[in-house]
Amino acid sequence: MDYGLSDLPDDSGELLDRVLAPLLQDFDESFARGLVLVGHCPDRVMDAPSRDRFRQRLEEATAQLAAARALRAAAPEPMALDMELIRPWHALVVEVWGLSAALRAAGIQP
């Protein structure tokens, strides 16, 4: 599976790690938060099939994130992540925010 890793010049490794590490951590936390929210989401906010699909997408993104981190860690040179990989993660984070807002609007605070 291609995880969108690309080579960078040697001098960019430290900067890349300073930028990517917190970004990947944010993705991790957002996906974990999304799983908690889905677990507390009633049918009146999101129906069961939609919750199942959302949960599956969060789990897949979490696995992709772990694989990308492992590949970066194993690479002999600094590696960036392609935006084609990251873009869907951003969209998923926005969906997590939307679910959080919907739960708050329904008076549910997981």
Foldseek 3Di string as FASTA:
>chain_A
DDQAKDADDQVCQVVQCVVVVVVLVVLVVLLVLLLVLLVVDDVVLPNPVVSVVLNVVSVVLNVSSVVVVVVQVPDPGHIHGDVVNCVVSVVNSVVSVVSCVSCVVVVHDD
